[in-house]
Amino acid sequence: MGVLKIILTIIFIIDCVALTALVLMQEGKQAGLGSIAGISETYWGKNKGRSMEGALVKITKVLAVAFIVLAAVLNLNF
């Protein structure tokens, strides 16, 4: 079981670094004064799921779930 714990720990560290990098790469959610006039509802605002920002959000969610699962598994005493 020692080898399995080492492998999971390495995957956990890679997940942590990737999650940190992805969160830092994302844009802020503040729309500023543009939200008052409704400027945020543009083509890019409506189709955000297909853009690079949408992909970053999806990957961040997957890595966050992996982080929680790996943290729980590594906390088990095996």
C-alpha atoms as a PDB file:
ATOM      1  CA  MET A   1       0.000   0.000   0.000  1.00  0.00           C
ATOM      2  CA  GLY A   2       2.987   2.285   0.373  1.00  0.00           C
ATOM      3  CA  VAL A   3       3.495   2.523  -3.392  1.00  0.00           C
ATOM      4  CA  LEU A   4      -0.169   3.349  -3.958  1.00  0.00           C
ATOM      5  CA  LYS A   5      -0.016   6.164  -1.386  1.00  0.00           C
ATOM      6  CA  ILE A   6       3.095   7.612  -3.050  1.00  0.00           C
ATOM      7  CA  ILE A   7       1.444   7.526  -6.482  1.00  0.00           C
ATOM      8  CA  LEU A   8      -1.738   9.157  -5.143  1.00  0.00           C
ATOM      9  CA  THR A   9       0.334  11.813  -3.372  1.00  0.00           C
ATOM     10  CA  ILE A  10       2.158  12.659  -6.607  1.00  0.00           C
ATOM     11  CA  ILE A  11      -1.156  12.881  -8.482  1.00  0.00           C
ATOM     12  CA  PHE A  12      -2.512  15.077  -5.663  1.00  0.00           C
ATOM     13  CA  ILE A  13       0.449  17.470  -5.922  1.00  0.00           C
ATOM     14  CA  ILE A  14       0.063  17.713  -9.705  1.00  0.00           C
ATOM     15  CA  ASP A  15      -3.661  18.359  -9.234  1.00  0.00           C
ATOM     16  CA  CYS A  16      -2.945  21.114  -6.705  1.00  0.00           C
ATOM     17  CA  VAL A  17      -0.475  22.888  -8.985  1.00  0.00           C
ATOM     18  CA  ALA A  18      -2.779  22.590 -12.020  1.00  0.00           C
ATOM     19  CA  LEU A  19      -5.779  23.832 -10.041  1.00  0.00           C
ATOM     20  CA  THR A  20      -3.820  26.840  -8.791  1.00  0.00           C
ATOM     21  CA  ALA A  21      -2.613  27.698 -12.290  1.00  0.00           C
ATOM     22  CA  LEU A  22      -6.102  27.412 -13.803  1.00  0.00           C
ATOM     23  CA  VAL A  23      -7.684  29.614 -11.147  1.00  0.00           C
ATOM     24  CA  LEU A  24      -5.038  32.268 -11.737  1.00  0.00           C
ATOM     25  CA  MET A  25      -5.549  32.108 -15.518  1.00  0.00           C
ATOM     26  CA  GLN A  26      -9.268  32.876 -15.288  1.00  0.00           C
ATOM     27  CA  GLU A  27     -10.671  36.362 -15.637  1.00  0.00           C
ATOM     28  CA  GLY A  28     -12.431  38.110 -12.796  1.00  0.00           C
ATOM     29  CA  LYS A  29     -16.207  37.920 -12.596  1.00  0.00           C
ATOM     30  CA  GLN A  30     -16.639  41.667 -12.117  1.00  0.00           C
ATOM     31  CA  ALA A  31     -18.283  43.285 -15.110  1.00  0.00           C
ATOM     32  CA  GLY A  32     -17.626  46.802 -13.832  1.00  0.00           C
ATOM     33  CA  LEU A  33     -19.764  49.657 -15.116  1.00  0.00           C
ATOM     34  CA  GLY A  34     -20.564  47.712 -18.274  1.00  0.00           C
ATOM     35  CA  SER A  35     -23.114  45.625 -16.385  1.00  0.00           C
ATOM     36  CA  ILE A  36     -25.225  48.719 -15.665  1.00  0.00           C
ATOM     37  CA  ALA A  37     -25.827  49.383 -19.354  1.00  0.00           C
ATOM     38  CA  GLY A  38     -26.206  45.687 -20.226  1.00  0.00           C
ATOM     39  CA  ILE A  39     -22.976  45.523 -22.194  1.00  0.00           C
ATOM     40  CA  SER A  40     -22.071  42.155 -20.648  1.00  0.00           C
ATOM     41  CA  GLU A  41     -24.797  40.442 -22.728  1.00  0.00           C
ATOM     42  CA  THR A  42     -22.746  40.342 -25.905  1.00  0.00           C
ATOM     43  CA  TYR A  43     -21.984  37.444 -28.200  1.00  0.00           C
ATOM     44  CA  TRP A  44     -19.030  36.405 -26.047  1.00  0.00           C
ATOM     45  CA  GLY A  45     -21.100  36.655 -22.878  1.00  0.00           C
ATOM     46  CA  LYS A  46     -23.823  34.345 -24.215  1.00  0.00           C
ATOM     47  CA  ASN A  47     -21.441  31.800 -25.756  1.00  0.00           C
ATOM     48  CA  LYS A  48     -18.968  31.649 -22.908  1.00  0.00           C
ATOM     49  CA  GLY A  49     -19.226  27.847 -22.681  1.00  0.00           C
ATOM     50  CA  ARG A  50     -17.597  27.464 -26.098  1.00  0.00           C
ATOM     51  CA  SER A  51     -14.775  29.923 -25.457  1.00  0.00           C
ATOM     52  CA  MET A  52     -11.439  29.375 -23.762  1.00  0.00           C
ATOM     53  CA  GLU A  53     -12.844  30.856 -20.560  1.00  0.00           C
ATOM     54  CA  GLY A  54     -15.639  28.278 -20.566  1.00  0.00           C
ATOM     55  CA  ALA A  55     -13.137  25.476 -21.042  1.00  0.00           C
ATOM     56  CA  LEU A  56     -11.059  26.779 -18.128  1.00  0.00           C
ATOM     57  CA  VAL A  57     -14.141  26.785 -15.903  1.00  0.00           C
ATOM     58  CA  LYS A  58     -15.036  23.200 -16.849  1.00  0.00           C
ATOM     59  CA  ILE A  59     -11.480  21.949 -16.284  1.00  0.00           C
ATOM     60  CA  THR A  60     -11.352  23.784 -12.950  1.00  0.00           C
ATOM     61  CA  LYS A  61     -14.520  22.009 -11.800  1.00  0.00           C
ATOM     62  CA  VAL A  62     -13.089  18.606 -12.742  1.00  0.00           C
ATOM     63  CA  LEU A  63      -9.800  19.323 -10.962  1.00  0.00           C
ATOM     64  CA  ALA A  64     -11.643  20.582  -7.876  1.00  0.00           C
ATOM     65  CA  VAL A  65     -13.626  17.338  -7.648  1.00  0.00           C
ATOM     66  CA  ALA A  66     -10.418  15.335  -8.118  1.00  0.00           C
ATOM     67  CA  PHE A  67      -8.779  17.423  -5.371  1.00  0.00           C
ATOM     68  CA  ILE A  68     -11.581  16.641  -2.900  1.00  0.00           C
ATOM     69  CA  VAL A  69     -11.636  12.928  -3.741  1.00  0.00           C
ATOM     70  CA  LEU A  70      -7.860  12.565  -3.544  1.00  0.00           C
ATOM     71  CA  ALA A  71      -7.721  14.488  -0.261  1.00  0.00           C
ATOM     72  CA  ALA A  72     -10.363  12.173   1.228  1.00  0.00           C
ATOM     73  CA  VAL A  73      -8.625   9.023  -0.049  1.00  0.00           C
ATOM     74  CA  LEU A  74      -5.211  10.136   1.201  1.00  0.00           C
ATOM     75  CA  ASN A  75      -6.710  10.877   4.616  1.00  0.00           C
ATOM     76  CA  LEU A  76      -7.773   7.241   5.034  1.00  0.00           C
ATOM     77  CA  ASN A  77      -5.487   5.110   7.133  1.00  0.00           C
ATOM     78  CA  PHE A  78      -4.450   2.321   4.825  1.00  0.00           C
END
